[in-house]
PDB file of N, CA and C in Angstrom:
ATOM      1  N   UNK A   1      53.135 -42.696 -47.869  1.00  0.00           N
ATOM      2  CA  UNK A   1      54.128 -42.133 -48.779  1.00  0.00           C
ATOM      3  C   UNK A   1      53.522 -41.128 -49.737  1.00  0.00           C
ATOM      4  N   UNK A   2      54.368 -40.526 -50.493  1.00  0.00           N
ATOM      5  CA  UNK A   2      53.958 -39.490 -51.432  1.00  0.00           C
ATOM      6  C   UNK A   2      53.548 -40.127 -52.751  1.00  0.00           C
ATOM      7  N   UNK A   3      52.440 -39.693 -53.300  1.00  0.00           N
ATOM      8  CA  UNK A   3      52.021 -40.180 -54.612  1.00  0.00           C
ATOM      9  C   UNK A   3      52.788 -39.424 -55.685  1.00  0.00           C
ATOM     10  N   UNK A   4      53.738 -40.087 -56.305  1.00  0.00           N
ATOM     11  CA  UNK A   4      54.585 -39.423 -57.286  1.00  0.00           C
ATOM     12  C   UNK A   4      54.201 -39.814 -58.702  1.00  0.00           C
ATOM     13  N   UNK A   5      52.968 -40.337 -58.874  1.00  0.00           N
ATOM     14  CA  UNK A   5      52.567 -40.805 -60.202  1.00  0.00           C
ATOM     15  C   UNK A   5      52.265 -39.645 -61.134  1.00  0.00           C
ATOM     16  N   UNK A   6      51.861 -38.513 -60.578  1.00  0.00           N
ATOM     17  CA  UNK A   6      51.552 -37.361 -61.418  1.00  0.00           C
ATOM     18  C   UNK A   6      52.799 -36.561 -61.717  1.00  0.00           C
ATOM     19  N   UNK A   7      52.606 -35.338 -62.157  1.00  0.00           N
ATOM     20  CA  UNK A   7      53.756 -34.471 -62.403  1.00  0.00           C
ATOM     21  C   UNK A   7      53.779 -33.374 -61.345  1.00  0.00           C
ATOM     22  N   UNK A   8      54.887 -32.673 -61.276  1.00  0.00           N
ATOM     23  CA  UNK A   8      55.028 -31.596 -60.300  1.00  0.00           C
ATOM     24  C   UNK A   8      54.024 -30.487 -60.593  1.00  0.00           C
ATOM     25  N   UNK A   9      53.519 -29.876 -59.532  1.00  0.00           N
ATOM     26  CA  UNK A   9      52.515 -28.823 -59.736  1.00  0.00           C
ATOM     27  C   UNK A   9      53.147 -27.537 -60.267  1.00  0.00           C
ATOM     28  N   UNK A  10      54.452 -27.348 -60.043  1.00  0.00           N
ATOM     29  CA  UNK A  10      55.115 -26.145 -60.525  1.00  0.00           C
ATOM     30  C   UNK A  10      55.192 -25.064 -59.467  1.00  0.00           C
ATOM     31  N   UNK A  11      56.159 -24.179 -59.639  1.00  0.00           N
ATOM     32  CA  UNK A  11      56.404 -23.153 -58.620  1.00  0.00           C
ATOM     33  C   UNK A  11      55.251 -22.178 -58.474  1.00  0.00           C
ATOM     34  N   UNK A  12      54.628 -21.832 -59.593  1.00  0.00           N
ATOM     35  CA  UNK A  12      53.541 -20.848 -59.528  1.00  0.00           C
ATOM     36  C   UNK A  12      52.365 -21.381 -58.713  1.00  0.00           C
ATOM     37  N   UNK A  13      52.040 -22.662 -58.915  1.00  0.00           N
ATOM     38  CA  UNK A  13      50.928 -23.270 -58.176  1.00  0.00           C
ATOM     39  C   UNK A  13      51.265 -23.384 -56.693  1.00  0.00           C
ATOM     40  N   UNK A  14      52.510 -23.729 -56.394  1.00  0.00           N
ATOM     41  CA  UNK A  14      52.919 -23.829 -54.998  1.00  0.00           C
ATOM     42  C   UNK A  14      52.829 -22.475 -54.311  1.00  0.00           C
ATOM     43  N   UNK A  15      53.258 -21.445 -55.025  1.00  0.00           N
ATOM     44  CA  UNK A  15      53.223 -20.095 -54.479  1.00  0.00           C
ATOM     45  C   UNK A  15      51.779 -19.662 -54.216  1.00  0.00           C
ATOM     46  N   UNK A  16      50.887 -19.913 -55.174  1.00  0.00           N
ATOM     47  CA  UNK A  16      49.512 -19.453 -54.961  1.00  0.00           C
ATOM     48  C   UNK A  16      48.817 -20.278 -53.883  1.00  0.00           C
ATOM     49  N   UNK A  17      49.191 -21.550 -53.716  1.00  0.00           N
ATOM     50  CA  UNK A  17      48.616 -22.351 -52.631  1.00  0.00           C
ATOM     51  C   UNK A  17      48.985 -21.757 -51.276  1.00  0.00           C
ATOM     52  N   UNK A  18      50.246 -21.375 -51.133  1.00  0.00           N
ATOM     53  CA  UNK A  18      50.703 -20.802 -49.871  1.00  0.00           C
ATOM     54  C   UNK A  18      50.055 -19.447 -49.617  1.00  0.00           C
ATOM     55  N   UNK A  19      50.013 -18.613 -50.659  1.00  0.00           N
ATOM     56  CA  UNK A  19      49.424 -17.284 -50.499  1.00  0.00           C
ATOM     57  C   UNK A  19      47.952 -17.370 -50.138  1.00  0.00           C
ATOM     58  N   UNK A  20      47.218 -18.282 -50.799  1.00  0.00           N
ATOM     59  CA  UNK A  20      45.781 -18.345 -50.514  1.00  0.00           C
ATOM     60  C   UNK A  20      45.539 -18.938 -49.133  1.00  0.00           C
ATOM     61  N   UNK A  21      46.373 -19.874 -48.683  1.00  0.00           N
ATOM     62  CA  UNK A  21      46.240 -20.398 -47.325  1.00  0.00           C
ATOM     63  C   UNK A  21      46.488 -19.289 -46.304  1.00  0.00           C
ATOM     64  N   UNK A  22      47.433 -18.411 -46.605  1.00  0.00           N
ATOM     65  CA  UNK A  22      47.747 -17.309 -45.694  1.00  0.00           C
ATOM     66  C   UNK A  22      46.709 -16.198 -45.791  1.00  0.00           C
ATOM     67  N   UNK A  23      45.875 -16.239 -46.820  1.00  0.00           N
ATOM     68  CA  UNK A  23      44.895 -15.190 -47.028  1.00  0.00           C
ATOM     69  C   UNK A  23      45.533 -13.898 -47.503  1.00  0.00           C
ATOM     70  N   UNK A  24      46.592 -14.050 -48.284  1.00  0.00           N
ATOM     71  CA  UNK A  24      47.387 -12.909 -48.713  1.00  0.00           C
ATOM     72  C   UNK A  24      47.387 -12.855 -50.238  1.00  0.00           C
ATOM     73  N   UNK A  25      47.293 -11.664 -50.801  1.00  0.00           N
ATOM     74  CA  UNK A  25      47.417 -11.554 -52.248  1.00  0.00           C
ATOM     75  C   UNK A  25      48.881 -11.337 -52.593  1.00  0.00           C
ATOM     76  N   UNK A  26      49.268 -11.786 -53.776  1.00  0.00           N
ATOM     77  CA  UNK A  26      50.664 -11.689 -54.160  1.00  0.00           C
ATOM     78  C   UNK A  26      51.151 -10.249 -54.151  1.00  0.00           C
ATOM     79  N   UNK A  27      50.246  -9.309 -54.430  1.00  0.00           N
ATOM     80  CA  UNK A  27      50.611  -7.893 -54.446  1.00  0.00           C
ATOM     81  C   UNK A  27      51.030  -7.407 -53.056  1.00  0.00           C
ATOM     82  N   UNK A  28      50.484  -8.041 -52.007  1.00  0.00           N
ATOM     83  CA  UNK A  28      50.788  -7.613 -50.641  1.00  0.00           C
ATOM     84  C   UNK A  28      52.029  -8.295 -50.073  1.00  0.00           C
ATOM     85  N   UNK A  29      52.489  -9.350 -50.748  1.00  0.00           N
ATOM     86  CA  UNK A  29      53.624 -10.113 -50.235  1.00  0.00           C
ATOM     87  C   UNK A  29      54.924  -9.592 -50.828  1.00  0.00           C
ATOM     88  N   UNK A  30      55.962  -9.637 -50.028  1.00  0.00           N
ATOM     89  CA  UNK A  30      57.278  -9.248 -50.535  1.00  0.00           C
ATOM     90  C   UNK A  30      58.274 -10.361 -50.255  1.00  0.00           C
ATOM     91  N   UNK A  31      59.423 -10.275 -50.918  1.00  0.00           N
ATOM     92  CA  UNK A  31      60.496 -11.255 -50.737  1.00  0.00           C
ATOM     93  C   UNK A  31      59.995 -12.685 -50.922  1.00  0.00           C
ATOM     94  N   UNK A  32      59.209 -12.906 -51.952  1.00  0.00           N
ATOM     95  CA  UNK A  32      58.680 -14.243 -52.211  1.00  0.00           C
ATOM     96  C   UNK A  32      59.797 -15.142 -52.737  1.00  0.00           C
ATOM     97  N   UNK A  33      59.917 -16.313 -52.142  1.00  0.00           N
ATOM     98  CA  UNK A  33      60.941 -17.255 -52.555  1.00  0.00           C
ATOM     99  C   UNK A  33      60.301 -18.639 -52.653  1.00  0.00           C
ATOM    100  N   UNK A  34      60.483 -19.303 -53.782  1.00  0.00           N
ATOM    101  CA  UNK A  34      59.970 -20.658 -53.959  1.00  0.00           C
ATOM    102  C   UNK A  34      61.129 -21.555 -54.355  1.00  0.00           C
ATOM    103  N   UNK A  35      61.252 -22.673 -53.679  1.00  0.00           N
ATOM    104  CA  UNK A  35      62.374 -23.563 -53.926  1.00  0.00           C
ATOM    105  C   UNK A  35      61.912 -25.010 -53.872  1.00  0.00           C
ATOM    106  N   UNK A  36      62.281 -25.783 -54.878  1.00  0.00           N
ATOM    107  CA  UNK A  36      61.959 -27.203 -54.867  1.00  0.00           C
ATOM    108  C   UNK A  36      62.975 -27.915 -53.981  1.00  0.00           C
ATOM    109  N   UNK A  37      62.462 -28.719 -53.050  1.00  0.00           N
ATOM    110  CA  UNK A  37      63.328 -29.355 -52.074  1.00  0.00           C
ATOM    111  C   UNK A  37      62.986 -30.837 -51.971  1.00  0.00           C
ATOM    112  N   UNK A  38      63.982 -31.626 -51.563  1.00  0.00           N
ATOM    113  CA  UNK A  38      63.735 -33.046 -51.372  1.00  0.00           C
ATOM    114  C   UNK A  38      64.308 -33.457 -50.031  1.00  0.00           C
ATOM    115  N   UNK A  39      63.487 -34.139 -49.243  1.00  0.00           N
ATOM    116  CA  UNK A  39      63.907 -34.532 -47.917  1.00  0.00           C
ATOM    117  C   UNK A  39      63.358 -35.925 -47.629  1.00  0.00           C
ATOM    118  N   UNK A  40      64.228 -36.869 -47.303  1.00  0.00           N
ATOM    119  CA  UNK A  40      63.804 -38.251 -47.026  1.00  0.00           C
ATOM    120  C   UNK A  40      62.951 -38.811 -48.146  1.00  0.00           C
ATOM    121  N   UNK A  41      63.315 -38.531 -49.392  1.00  0.00           N
ATOM    122  CA  UNK A  41      62.560 -39.051 -50.522  1.00  0.00           C
ATOM    123  C   UNK A  41      61.261 -38.315 -50.774  1.00  0.00           C
ATOM    124  N   UNK A  42      60.993 -37.278 -50.003  1.00  0.00           N
ATOM    125  CA  UNK A  42      59.760 -36.507 -50.152  1.00  0.00           C
ATOM    126  C   UNK A  42      60.087 -35.227 -50.908  1.00  0.00           C
ATOM    127  N   UNK A  43      59.325 -34.949 -51.948  1.00  0.00           N
ATOM    128  CA  UNK A  43      59.586 -33.760 -52.756  1.00  0.00           C
ATOM    129  C   UNK A  43      58.534 -32.698 -52.449  1.00  0.00           C
ATOM    130  N   UNK A  44      58.990 -31.506 -52.147  1.00  0.00           N
ATOM    131  CA  UNK A  44      58.062 -30.428 -51.804  1.00  0.00           C
ATOM    132  C   UNK A  44      58.658 -29.087 -52.213  1.00  0.00           C
ATOM    133  N   UNK A  45      57.773 -28.106 -52.284  1.00  0.00           N
ATOM    134  CA  UNK A  45      58.214 -26.730 -52.517  1.00  0.00           C
ATOM    135  C   UNK A  45      58.274 -26.015 -51.183  1.00  0.00           C
ATOM    136  N   UNK A  46      59.366 -25.320 -50.959  1.00  0.00           N
ATOM    137  CA  UNK A  46      59.450 -24.442 -49.809  1.00  0.00           C
ATOM    138  C   UNK A  46      59.103 -23.040 -50.298  1.00  0.00           C
ATOM    139  N   UNK A  47      58.100 -22.445 -49.693  1.00  0.00           N
ATOM    140  CA  UNK A  47      57.650 -21.115 -50.099  1.00  0.00           C
ATOM    141  C   UNK A  47      57.794 -20.180 -48.899  1.00  0.00           C
ATOM    142  N   UNK A  48      58.481 -19.077 -49.126  1.00  0.00           N
ATOM    143  CA  UNK A  48      58.625 -18.082 -48.066  1.00  0.00           C
ATOM    144  C   UNK A  48      58.241 -16.714 -48.605  1.00  0.00           C
ATOM    145  N   UNK A  49      57.588 -15.936 -47.752  1.00  0.00           N
ATOM    146  CA  UNK A  49      57.283 -14.551 -48.124  1.00  0.00           C
ATOM    147  C   UNK A  49      57.010 -13.755 -46.872  1.00  0.00           C
ATOM    148  N   UNK A  50      57.029 -12.449 -47.044  1.00  0.00           N
ATOM    149  CA  UNK A  50      56.751 -11.544 -45.935  1.00  0.00           C
ATOM    150  C   UNK A  50      55.557 -10.671 -46.275  1.00  0.00           C
ATOM    151  N   UNK A  51      54.800 -10.341 -45.230  1.00  0.00           N
ATOM    152  CA  UNK A  51      53.760  -9.336 -45.343  1.00  0.00           C
ATOM    153  C   UNK A  51      53.951  -8.408 -44.158  1.00  0.00           C
ATOM    154  N   UNK A  52      54.410  -7.200 -44.433  1.00  0.00           N
ATOM    155  CA  UNK A  52      54.734  -6.295 -43.332  1.00  0.00           C
ATOM    156  C   UNK A  52      55.831  -6.900 -42.473  1.00  0.00           C
ATOM    157  N   UNK A  53      55.534  -7.058 -41.181  1.00  0.00           N
ATOM    158  CA  UNK A  53      56.517  -7.608 -40.245  1.00  0.00           C
ATOM    159  C   UNK A  53      56.375  -9.113 -40.087  1.00  0.00           C
ATOM    160  N   UNK A  54      55.405  -9.694 -40.774  1.00  0.00           N
ATOM    161  CA  UNK A  54      55.138 -11.119 -40.601  1.00  0.00           C
ATOM    162  C   UNK A  54      55.825 -11.933 -41.681  1.00  0.00           C
ATOM    163  N   UNK A  55      56.505 -12.981 -41.265  1.00  0.00           N
ATOM    164  CA  UNK A  55      57.202 -13.848 -42.191  1.00  0.00           C
ATOM    165  C   UNK A  55      56.475 -15.196 -42.254  1.00  0.00           C
ATOM    166  N   UNK A  56      56.163 -15.626 -43.449  1.00  0.00           N
ATOM    167  CA  UNK A  56      55.458 -16.889 -43.639  1.00  0.00           C
ATOM    168  C   UNK A  56      56.396 -17.919 -44.250  1.00  0.00           C
ATOM    169  N   UNK A  57      56.265 -19.159 -43.790  1.00  0.00           N
ATOM    170  CA  UNK A  57      57.056 -20.236 -44.367  1.00  0.00           C
ATOM    171  C   UNK A  57      56.150 -21.445 -44.580  1.00  0.00           C
ATOM    172  N   UNK A  58      56.141 -21.925 -45.813  1.00  0.00           N
ATOM    173  CA  UNK A  58      55.282 -23.049 -46.159  1.00  0.00           C
ATOM    174  C   UNK A  58      56.082 -24.176 -46.782  1.00  0.00           C
ATOM    175  N   UNK A  59      55.592 -25.398 -46.585  1.00  0.00           N
ATOM    176  CA  UNK A  59      56.061 -26.531 -47.370  1.00  0.00           C
ATOM    177  C   UNK A  59      54.841 -27.112 -48.077  1.00  0.00           C
ATOM    178  N   UNK A  60      54.920 -27.163 -49.409  1.00  0.00           N
ATOM    179  CA  UNK A  60      53.804 -27.590 -50.242  1.00  0.00           C
ATOM    180  C   UNK A  60      54.192 -28.883 -50.961  1.00  0.00           C
ATOM    181  N   UNK A  61      53.351 -29.896 -50.847  1.00  0.00           N
ATOM    182  CA  UNK A  61      53.593 -31.156 -51.559  1.00  0.00           C
ATOM    183  C   UNK A  61      53.738 -30.872 -53.046  1.00  0.00           C
ATOM    184  N   UNK A  62      54.853 -31.307 -53.634  1.00  0.00           N
ATOM    185  CA  UNK A  62      55.173 -30.934 -55.017  1.00  0.00           C
ATOM    186  C   UNK A  62      54.289 -31.649 -56.035  1.00  0.00           C
ATOM    187  N   UNK A  63      53.586 -32.705 -55.600  1.00  0.00           N
ATOM    188  CA  UNK A  63      52.733 -33.445 -56.533  1.00  0.00           C
ATOM    189  C   UNK A  63      51.249 -33.157 -56.313  1.00  0.00           C
ATOM    190  N   UNK A  64      50.832 -33.068 -55.053  1.00  0.00           N
ATOM    191  CA  UNK A  64      49.400 -32.901 -54.787  1.00  0.00           C
ATOM    192  C   UNK A  64      49.032 -31.452 -54.515  1.00  0.00           C
ATOM    193  N   UNK A  65      50.012 -30.634 -54.144  1.00  0.00           N
ATOM    194  CA  UNK A  65      49.721 -29.246 -53.822  1.00  0.00           C
ATOM    195  C   UNK A  65      49.193 -29.057 -52.414  1.00  0.00           C
ATOM    196  N   UNK A  66      49.116 -30.135 -51.623  1.00  0.00           N
ATOM    197  CA  UNK A  66      48.622 -29.972 -50.254  1.00  0.00           C
ATOM    198  C   UNK A  66      49.696 -29.343 -49.376  1.00  0.00           C
ATOM    199  N   UNK A  67      49.240 -28.698 -48.315  1.00  0.00           N
ATOM    200  CA  UNK A  67      50.153 -27.968 -47.450  1.00  0.00           C
ATOM    201  C   UNK A  67      50.677 -28.891 -46.372  1.00  0.00           C
ATOM    202  N   UNK A  68      51.976 -29.079 -46.343  1.00  0.00           N
ATOM    203  CA  UNK A  68      52.605 -29.977 -45.375  1.00  0.00           C
ATOM    204  C   UNK A  68      52.951 -29.242 -44.091  1.00  0.00           C
ATOM    205  N   UNK A  69      53.319 -27.968 -44.248  1.00  0.00           N
ATOM    206  CA  UNK A  69      53.725 -27.196 -43.083  1.00  0.00           C
ATOM    207  C   UNK A  69      53.401 -25.741 -43.332  1.00  0.00           C
ATOM    208  N   UNK A  70      52.895 -25.072 -42.323  1.00  0.00           N
ATOM    209  CA  UNK A  70      52.614 -23.643 -42.420  1.00  0.00           C
ATOM    210  C   UNK A  70      53.106 -22.993 -41.139  1.00  0.00           C
ATOM    211  N   UNK A  71      53.994 -22.036 -41.281  1.00  0.00           N
ATOM    212  CA  UNK A  71      54.510 -21.342 -40.112  1.00  0.00           C
ATOM    213  C   UNK A  71      54.439 -19.838 -40.328  1.00  0.00           C
ATOM    214  N   UNK A  72      54.261 -19.139 -39.220  1.00  0.00           N
ATOM    215  CA  UNK A  72      54.169 -17.691 -39.274  1.00  0.00           C
ATOM    216  C   UNK A  72      54.992 -17.110 -38.149  1.00  0.00           C
ATOM    217  N   UNK A  73      55.835 -16.165 -38.465  1.00  0.00           N
ATOM    218  CA  UNK A  73      56.697 -15.536 -37.468  1.00  0.00           C
ATOM    219  C   UNK A  73      56.530 -14.030 -37.542  1.00  0.00           C
ATOM    220  N   UNK A  74      56.405 -13.413 -36.403  1.00  0.00           N
ATOM    221  CA  UNK A  74      56.363 -11.951 -36.359  1.00  0.00           C
ATOM    222  C   UNK A  74      57.754 -11.447 -35.992  1.00  0.00           C
ATOM    223  N   UNK A  75      58.287 -10.577 -36.804  1.00  0.00           N
ATOM    224  CA  UNK A  75      59.564  -9.931 -36.502  1.00  0.00           C
ATOM    225  C   UNK A  75      59.326  -8.775 -35.558  1.00  0.00           C
ATOM    226  N   UNK A  76      59.987  -8.795 -34.422  1.00  0.00           N
ATOM    227  CA  UNK A  76      59.820  -7.601 -33.578  1.00  0.00           C
ATOM    228  C   UNK A  76      61.131  -6.881 -33.361  1.00  0.00           C
TER     229      UNK A  76
END
């Protein structure tokens, strides 16, 4: 289960976790969207952004900041 004893990491931390995992600087990313979401009692941030034609989608644990899901899609 999720350790919910701490506090939420916050949207800024979730965003930078996703960007650094993608190896992308915030200046290079566009259409950045961060949303706090809850699913099956699990709380996470959904982070989406684009770099050029590539679309990134992340789910970041809202308490630990660990990356739950990382997806990358190329728009053609």
